[in-house]
Amino acid sequence: MPCTASRLSPVTLAARFLGLALCIGACESGCGDDHTTVTRLPAIAAPPSMAGSVAEPAIEEDLNPRLVRRFKPLTVLISQRSQALVDLGRVLYYEPLLSIDGRISCNSCHPLDHFGVTHTALSTGVGGRLGRRNAPSTFNASLQFAQFWDGRAISSREQVKGPLLNPGEMGMNEATLVTRLSAIEGYRRAFEAAFPTSPQPISLESISLAIAEFERGLLTPARWDQYLAGDRTALSAREKEGAKVFANLGCMVCHEGQLLGGSMFQKVGVIIPWPNQADRGRGELSNNAVDDMTFKVPSLRNVANTGPYFHDGSVTTLAAAIQMMARHQLGVSLTDEEASAIETWMGSLTGKVPEDYVRKPALPAARRP
């Protein structure tokens, strides 16, 4: 049961919550594999009512500049590689022939016209097989420090290979993949243009590189970035109040930087054990109990549009996810007003999808199921 001791000041509460954070989001799929461990703290008092920042009008509307510096505006990257490579990656992203049955593409589980998610707890792979974990968005994923919920891939290029070769996802093998694409004239020409000096343009490595290079452009700047860049009118007063509640709870300890997450690992159920203990997370990779229930902290970008939430897709609404993580990560119960304020602010993290960039291209002529 959450404690009901006296309310704490925002400053005191932030200090008490250092090392803890909300782990909401559906974004998995950068570089590095360091394991950040957060010390477990004893159960603490319920959070303050945020009087003067949520329930009552704020005296100072804008966020503290020291808080703002914990974040960074999202910068749209310009590919340093050839346009031919990016265009090839776009085509391959939509190509169902990359799956063994010719029916599943990257876009099947990460549809770019739906913020890169299927809005289902688990995605469906070849033969109707359900995935094991929630498939999150590919938008902004290339900037994360590691890929997959357990961080087993160190880059987007390595991440692409996972679904391609996974029997339950696309079920492909390298030999069949190369043979299939090599038999299609349009792909032979496209790979030769993208890899003009390669003696073997079509390979698993070139396929993964092309898709990863396309995914580098899947970035969604939002109103939040305009605010961070100095436009204090980009957020409503209510959104600013939600950001204050989020910050005062200490959530930005893990959800910081330009992605508001995606830069470290964290245990789910730091204070109160997570309900579903079936998935050990990074513990399955290390075979070390200390890593059990540890997952990558997801980015919060586009979080209002990427449910259901968590690695198991167990929560369908953002409001419920916010309340759940406050309880399990912080050991506190938020008021409806506090949770609503945070949810409102998270709406400002919804970015603009680059429609021209993600538009489905014409696929090379070939026989498809």
Protein backbone atom coordinates (compact mmCIF):
# COMPACT_ATOMS: atom_id res chain seq x y z
CA MET A 1 0.00 0.00 0.00
CA PRO A 2 1.34 3.49 -0.76
CA CYS A 3 2.35 5.52 2.27
CA THR A 4 0.18 8.42 3.33
CA ALA A 5 2.76 10.47 5.22
CA SER A 6 2.98 14.24 4.99
CA ARG A 7 3.48 15.84 1.60
CA LEU A 8 7.02 16.70 0.48
CA SER A 9 8.23 19.76 -1.38
CA PRO A 10 9.01 19.28 -5.09
CA VAL A 11 12.73 19.82 -4.43
CA THR A 12 12.81 17.26 -1.64
CA LEU A 13 10.74 14.82 -3.65
CA ALA A 14 13.02 15.12 -6.68
CA ALA A 15 16.02 14.33 -4.50
CA ARG A 16 14.28 11.35 -2.93
CA PHE A 17 13.39 10.01 -6.36
CA LEU A 18 16.89 10.38 -7.84
CA GLY A 19 17.60 7.31 -9.94
CA LEU A 20 13.98 6.44 -10.51
CA ALA A 21 11.86 7.21 -13.55
CA LEU A 22 8.74 6.43 -15.46
CA CYS A 23 9.39 3.71 -18.00
CA ILE A 24 6.49 4.39 -20.34
CA GLY A 25 6.63 4.07 -24.08
CA ALA A 26 6.83 1.73 -26.96
CA CYS A 27 10.00 2.58 -28.65
CA GLU A 28 12.78 0.01 -28.97
CA SER A 29 15.10 -0.29 -31.73
CA GLY A 30 21.89 3.46 -31.46
CA CYS A 31 25.07 2.24 -29.77
CA GLY A 32 26.46 0.93 -26.49
CA ASP A 33 25.60 -1.73 -23.97
CA ASP A 34 26.39 -0.28 -20.55
CA HIS A 35 24.13 -1.45 -17.75
CA THR A 36 22.94 1.40 -15.57
CA THR A 37 21.78 0.15 -12.17
CA VAL A 38 19.49 2.22 -9.99
CA THR A 39 19.66 1.68 -6.24
CA ARG A 40 16.42 0.47 -4.75
CA LEU A 41 15.00 2.96 -2.27
CA PRO A 42 12.60 2.24 0.56
CA ALA A 43 8.94 2.99 0.09
CA ILE A 44 8.25 6.70 0.44
CA ALA A 45 5.41 9.03 1.09
CA ALA A 46 2.74 9.81 -1.42
CA PRO A 47 3.65 12.63 -3.83
CA PRO A 48 2.73 16.23 -3.10
CA SER A 49 -0.51 17.56 -4.39
CA MET A 50 1.59 19.95 -6.48
CA ALA A 51 -0.43 22.85 -5.08
CA GLY A 52 0.56 25.89 -7.05
CA SER A 53 1.72 23.81 -9.99
CA VAL A 54 -1.19 21.56 -10.93
CA ALA A 55 -4.36 22.07 -8.92
CA GLU A 56 -3.78 25.83 -8.60
CA PRO A 57 -2.50 28.43 -11.08
CA ALA A 58 1.29 28.54 -11.22
CA ILE A 59 3.09 31.63 -10.02
CA GLU A 60 5.77 31.14 -12.67
CA GLU A 61 4.46 29.63 -15.88
CA ASP A 62 7.65 28.73 -17.74
CA LEU A 63 9.93 25.86 -16.77
CA ASN A 64 13.10 26.42 -14.82
CA PRO A 65 16.03 26.86 -17.27
CA ARG A 66 18.03 24.32 -15.26
CA LEU A 67 15.31 21.78 -15.93
CA VAL A 68 15.14 22.63 -19.62
CA ARG A 69 18.88 21.97 -19.95
CA ARG A 70 18.27 18.32 -19.05
CA PHE A 71 16.66 17.92 -22.46
CA LYS A 72 17.77 18.70 -25.99
CA PRO A 73 15.82 19.61 -29.12
CA LEU A 74 15.57 16.85 -31.70
CA THR A 75 17.70 17.64 -34.74
CA VAL A 76 16.74 16.27 -38.13
CA LEU A 77 19.76 14.52 -39.57
CA ILE A 78 20.93 14.77 -43.15
CA SER A 79 22.20 11.45 -44.45
CA GLN A 80 25.89 11.43 -45.26
CA ARG A 81 25.35 8.50 -47.56
CA SER A 82 24.00 8.41 -51.10
CA GLN A 83 20.38 9.09 -51.94
CA ALA A 84 20.41 5.76 -53.80
CA LEU A 85 21.09 3.97 -50.50
CA VAL A 86 18.31 5.80 -48.64
CA ASP A 87 15.84 5.15 -51.48
CA LEU A 88 16.77 1.46 -51.50
CA GLY A 89 16.22 1.27 -47.75
CA ARG A 90 12.78 2.80 -48.12
CA VAL A 91 11.77 0.22 -50.73
CA LEU A 92 13.14 -2.64 -48.64
CA TYR A 93 11.26 -1.40 -45.57
CA TYR A 94 8.00 -1.96 -47.44
CA GLU A 95 9.06 -5.16 -49.24
CA PRO A 96 7.16 -8.28 -48.06
CA LEU A 97 9.51 -10.53 -50.05
CA LEU A 98 12.00 -10.08 -47.22
CA SER A 99 9.90 -12.60 -45.27
CA ILE A 100 9.94 -16.32 -46.01
CA ASP A 101 6.26 -16.38 -46.98
CA GLY A 102 6.42 -13.11 -48.91
CA ARG A 103 3.72 -11.51 -46.76
CA ILE A 104 5.49 -9.69 -43.90
CA SER A 105 7.50 -6.48 -44.31
CA CYS A 106 9.13 -4.16 -41.79
CA ASN A 107 6.09 -1.94 -42.24
CA SER A 108 3.78 -4.79 -41.21
CA CYS A 109 4.88 -4.51 -37.58
CA HIS A 110 6.05 -0.89 -37.71
CA PRO A 111 3.53 0.87 -40.01
CA LEU A 112 4.79 4.34 -40.77
CA ASP A 113 1.30 5.76 -41.25
CA HIS A 114 0.44 4.83 -37.63
CA PHE A 115 3.48 6.27 -35.85
CA GLY A 116 5.34 3.03 -36.46
CA VAL A 117 3.20 0.72 -34.30
CA THR A 118 0.31 -1.70 -34.81
CA HIS A 119 -1.48 -0.68 -31.58
CA THR A 120 -1.60 -4.33 -30.54
CA ALA A 121 0.11 -5.90 -27.55
CA LEU A 122 2.03 -8.26 -29.84
CA SER A 123 2.62 -8.22 -33.58
CA THR A 124 1.94 -11.07 -35.96
CA GLY A 125 4.77 -12.68 -37.92
CA VAL A 126 4.95 -15.40 -40.56
CA GLY A 127 2.48 -18.23 -40.18
CA GLY A 128 0.36 -16.14 -37.83
CA ARG A 129 2.94 -16.43 -35.03
CA LEU A 130 2.68 -13.78 -32.33
CA GLY A 131 5.79 -11.97 -31.21
CA ARG A 132 7.07 -12.26 -27.67
CA ARG A 133 7.35 -8.57 -26.81
CA ASN A 134 5.54 -5.44 -27.84
CA ALA A 135 6.91 -4.17 -31.15
CA PRO A 136 7.55 -0.45 -30.67
CA SER A 137 7.94 2.38 -33.11
CA THR A 138 10.84 2.78 -35.52
CA PHE A 139 10.45 6.57 -35.42
CA ASN A 140 13.45 8.17 -33.66
CA ALA A 141 14.72 4.67 -32.82
CA SER A 142 18.05 5.06 -34.64
CA LEU A 143 19.18 7.62 -32.03
CA GLN A 144 18.73 5.25 -29.08
CA PHE A 145 21.84 3.88 -27.41
CA ALA A 146 20.84 0.26 -27.97
CA GLN A 147 18.12 -1.65 -29.78
CA PHE A 148 15.37 -4.04 -28.62
CA TRP A 149 13.87 -3.96 -25.15
CA ASP A 150 16.83 -5.92 -23.77
CA GLY A 151 19.47 -3.95 -25.70
CA ARG A 152 20.89 -7.01 -27.43
CA ALA A 153 21.72 -5.09 -30.62
CA ILE A 154 24.16 -2.20 -30.50
CA SER A 155 22.94 -0.42 -33.63
CA SER A 156 19.97 -0.10 -35.95
CA ARG A 157 21.95 -2.00 -38.58
CA GLU A 158 22.26 -4.98 -36.24
CA GLN A 159 18.65 -4.61 -35.13
CA VAL A 160 17.35 -5.02 -38.70
CA LYS A 161 18.87 -8.49 -38.92
CA GLY A 162 16.94 -9.70 -35.88
CA PRO A 163 13.40 -9.67 -37.32
CA LEU A 164 14.64 -10.82 -40.75
CA LEU A 165 16.17 -14.01 -39.35
CA ASN A 166 13.77 -14.63 -36.46
CA PRO A 167 11.61 -17.73 -37.21
CA GLY A 168 8.62 -16.13 -35.50
CA GLU A 169 8.86 -12.79 -37.27
CA MET A 170 10.02 -12.78 -40.90
CA GLY A 171 11.50 -16.27 -40.82
CA MET A 172 14.10 -15.64 -43.52
CA ASN A 173 17.60 -17.02 -43.99
CA GLU A 174 20.46 -15.20 -45.71
CA ALA A 175 20.85 -17.58 -48.66
CA THR A 176 17.16 -17.48 -49.62
CA LEU A 177 17.04 -13.72 -49.13
CA VAL A 178 19.99 -13.05 -51.42
CA THR A 179 18.77 -15.49 -54.06
CA ARG A 180 15.26 -14.04 -54.07
CA LEU A 181 16.30 -10.41 -54.45
CA SER A 182 19.04 -11.25 -56.97
CA ALA A 183 16.41 -12.75 -59.26
CA ILE A 184 14.56 -9.40 -59.48
CA GLU A 185 15.99 -7.02 -62.07
CA GLY A 186 14.77 -3.92 -60.27
CA TYR A 187 16.63 -4.91 -57.12
CA ARG A 188 19.80 -5.80 -59.00
CA ARG A 189 19.87 -2.28 -60.44
CA ALA A 190 18.97 -0.64 -57.13
CA PHE A 191 21.68 -2.45 -55.16
CA GLU A 192 24.29 -1.74 -57.84
CA ALA A 193 23.42 1.97 -57.62
CA ALA A 194 23.58 1.96 -53.83
CA PHE A 195 26.77 -0.13 -53.61
CA PRO A 196 28.64 0.70 -56.83
CA THR A 197 32.04 -0.58 -55.65
CA SER A 198 30.85 -3.79 -54.01
CA PRO A 199 31.67 -7.09 -55.78
CA GLN A 200 28.46 -8.54 -54.25
CA PRO A 201 25.94 -5.70 -53.88
CA ILE A 202 23.12 -7.91 -52.55
CA SER A 203 23.87 -9.38 -49.16
CA LEU A 204 22.42 -9.49 -45.65
CA GLU A 205 24.84 -6.73 -44.66
CA SER A 206 23.87 -4.43 -47.53
CA ILE A 207 20.17 -5.03 -46.91
CA SER A 208 20.46 -4.19 -43.21
CA LEU A 209 22.62 -1.13 -43.94
CA ALA A 210 20.11 0.25 -46.46
CA ILE A 211 17.11 -0.18 -44.15
CA ALA A 212 19.02 1.29 -41.19
CA GLU A 213 20.04 4.30 -43.28
CA PHE A 214 16.42 4.91 -44.24
CA GLU A 215 15.38 4.61 -40.58
CA ARG A 216 17.88 7.36 -39.66
CA GLY A 217 15.48 9.76 -41.33
CA LEU A 218 12.45 8.65 -39.31
CA LEU A 219 12.60 11.62 -36.96
CA THR A 220 9.61 13.52 -35.60
CA PRO A 221 10.33 16.97 -34.15
CA ALA A 222 7.46 18.19 -31.96
CA ARG A 223 6.17 21.31 -30.23
CA TRP A 224 8.32 20.30 -27.26
CA ASP A 225 11.39 20.90 -29.42
CA GLN A 226 10.14 24.35 -30.36
CA TYR A 227 9.81 25.12 -26.66
CA LEU A 228 13.32 23.85 -25.91
CA ALA A 229 14.63 25.96 -28.78
CA GLY A 230 13.25 29.09 -27.12
CA ASP A 231 9.65 29.43 -28.28
CA ARG A 232 7.87 29.79 -24.94
CA THR A 233 4.50 29.92 -26.71
CA ALA A 234 4.90 26.41 -28.17
CA LEU A 235 3.35 24.80 -25.06
CA SER A 236 0.10 25.62 -23.33
CA ALA A 237 0.07 26.54 -19.65
CA ARG A 238 -1.41 23.13 -18.87
CA GLU A 239 1.36 21.35 -20.77
CA LYS A 240 4.00 23.33 -18.90
CA GLU A 241 2.38 22.34 -15.62
CA GLY A 242 2.49 18.70 -16.68
CA ALA A 243 6.19 19.02 -17.46
CA LYS A 244 6.73 20.44 -13.98
CA VAL A 245 4.94 17.53 -12.33
CA PHE A 246 6.97 15.10 -14.44
CA ALA A 247 10.20 16.84 -13.44
CA ASN A 248 9.33 17.22 -9.76
CA LEU A 249 8.64 13.50 -9.51
CA GLY A 250 12.17 12.83 -10.77
CA CYS A 251 11.06 11.14 -13.99
CA MET A 252 13.60 13.09 -16.06
CA VAL A 253 16.45 11.28 -14.29
CA CYS A 254 15.97 8.49 -16.83
CA HIS A 255 13.74 10.17 -19.39
CA GLU A 256 16.06 12.98 -20.43
CA GLY A 257 17.99 14.09 -23.50
CA GLN A 258 16.57 14.63 -26.95
CA LEU A 259 14.60 11.36 -26.89
CA LEU A 260 13.36 11.62 -23.29
CA GLY A 261 14.64 8.10 -22.81
CA GLY A 262 16.39 5.48 -24.90
CA SER A 263 19.74 6.11 -23.19
CA MET A 264 19.93 3.60 -20.33
CA PHE A 265 18.52 0.42 -18.81
CA GLN A 266 16.21 0.30 -15.80
CA LYS A 267 14.46 -2.31 -13.72
CA VAL A 268 10.67 -2.33 -13.92
CA GLY A 269 9.19 -2.70 -10.47
CA VAL A 270 11.91 -0.84 -8.55
CA ILE A 271 9.65 -0.27 -5.55
CA ILE A 272 6.69 -2.59 -6.12
CA PRO A 273 7.32 -5.79 -8.15
CA TRP A 274 6.06 -5.78 -11.71
CA PRO A 275 2.90 -7.91 -12.10
CA ASN A 276 4.18 -10.02 -15.00
CA GLN A 277 7.47 -11.70 -14.05
CA ALA A 278 7.60 -14.11 -17.00
CA ASP A 279 9.99 -12.01 -19.08
CA ARG A 280 13.38 -11.61 -17.35
CA GLY A 281 14.53 -8.89 -19.74
CA ARG A 282 18.31 -8.45 -19.76
CA GLY A 283 18.54 -11.25 -17.24
CA GLU A 284 17.99 -13.66 -20.11
CA LEU A 285 21.10 -12.33 -21.83
CA SER A 286 23.41 -12.18 -18.83
CA ASN A 287 21.91 -15.12 -16.93
CA ASN A 288 22.43 -12.96 -13.85
CA ALA A 289 19.60 -12.44 -11.42
CA VAL A 290 20.61 -8.80 -10.87
CA ASP A 291 19.49 -8.07 -14.44
CA ASP A 292 16.08 -9.70 -14.09
CA MET A 293 13.21 -7.42 -15.11
CA THR A 294 15.65 -4.86 -16.49
CA PHE A 295 14.78 -3.29 -19.85
CA LYS A 296 15.80 -0.31 -21.94
CA VAL A 297 14.11 2.88 -20.81
CA PRO A 298 11.94 3.76 -23.81
CA SER A 299 11.75 7.13 -25.47
CA LEU A 300 8.62 9.11 -24.69
CA ARG A 301 8.42 10.73 -28.11
CA ASN A 302 5.03 10.15 -29.73
CA VAL A 303 4.03 8.20 -26.60
CA ALA A 304 0.44 9.44 -26.80
CA ASN A 305 0.13 7.64 -30.14
CA THR A 306 2.11 4.44 -29.59
CA GLY A 307 0.12 2.34 -27.13
CA PRO A 308 -0.31 -0.23 -25.80
CA TYR A 309 2.53 0.24 -23.37
CA PHE A 310 5.48 -1.54 -21.77
CA HIS A 311 7.51 -4.48 -23.02
CA ASP A 312 4.51 -6.78 -22.70
CA GLY A 313 1.95 -4.37 -24.16
CA SER A 314 -0.15 -4.97 -21.07
CA VAL A 315 -1.62 -1.48 -20.61
CA THR A 316 -3.84 0.09 -23.23
CA THR A 317 -4.14 3.71 -22.11
CA LEU A 318 -1.50 6.30 -21.39
CA ALA A 319 -3.33 7.48 -18.27
CA ALA A 320 -3.21 3.98 -16.80
CA ALA A 321 0.44 3.59 -17.79
CA ILE A 322 1.38 6.82 -16.00
CA GLN A 323 -0.42 5.74 -12.82
CA MET A 324 1.04 2.25 -12.99
CA MET A 325 4.61 3.40 -13.35
CA ALA A 326 4.28 5.98 -10.59
CA ARG A 327 3.23 3.14 -8.33
CA HIS A 328 5.74 0.48 -9.40
CA GLN A 329 8.74 2.73 -10.01
CA LEU A 330 8.17 5.41 -7.38
CA GLY A 331 5.94 3.73 -4.84
CA VAL A 332 3.44 6.57 -4.95
CA SER A 333 -0.13 7.13 -6.03
CA LEU A 334 -0.70 10.14 -8.26
CA THR A 335 -3.89 12.12 -8.04
CA ASP A 336 -6.02 12.12 -11.16
CA GLU A 337 -5.09 15.79 -11.61
CA GLU A 338 -1.36 15.05 -11.51
CA ALA A 339 -1.63 12.13 -13.92
CA SER A 340 -3.80 14.18 -16.26
CA ALA A 341 -1.28 17.02 -16.27
CA ILE A 342 1.55 14.65 -17.19
CA GLU A 343 -0.53 13.09 -19.93
CA THR A 344 -1.37 16.51 -21.33
CA TRP A 345 2.32 17.45 -21.45
CA MET A 346 3.17 14.17 -23.16
CA GLY A 347 0.85 15.21 -25.97
CA SER A 348 3.38 17.93 -26.81
CA LEU A 349 5.89 15.16 -27.57
CA THR A 350 3.84 14.03 -30.56
CA GLY A 351 5.89 14.98 -33.59
CA LYS A 352 5.26 15.62 -37.23
CA VAL A 353 5.70 12.55 -39.41
CA PRO A 354 7.71 13.37 -42.58
CA GLU A 355 4.96 12.26 -44.96
CA ASP A 356 6.94 12.55 -48.19
CA TYR A 357 9.85 10.66 -46.68
CA VAL A 358 7.75 7.75 -45.42
CA ARG A 359 5.36 7.46 -48.35
CA LYS A 360 5.29 3.91 -49.73
CA PRO A 361 7.32 3.74 -52.96
CA ALA A 362 6.67 1.61 -56.03
CA LEU A 363 8.22 -1.80 -55.45
CA PRO A 364 10.29 -3.49 -58.18
CA ALA A 365 8.25 -5.72 -60.47
CA ALA A 366 8.11 -9.23 -59.03
CA ARG A 367 5.67 -12.00 -58.21
CA ARG A 368 4.25 -11.52 -54.73
CA PRO A 369 1.61 -13.50 -52.81
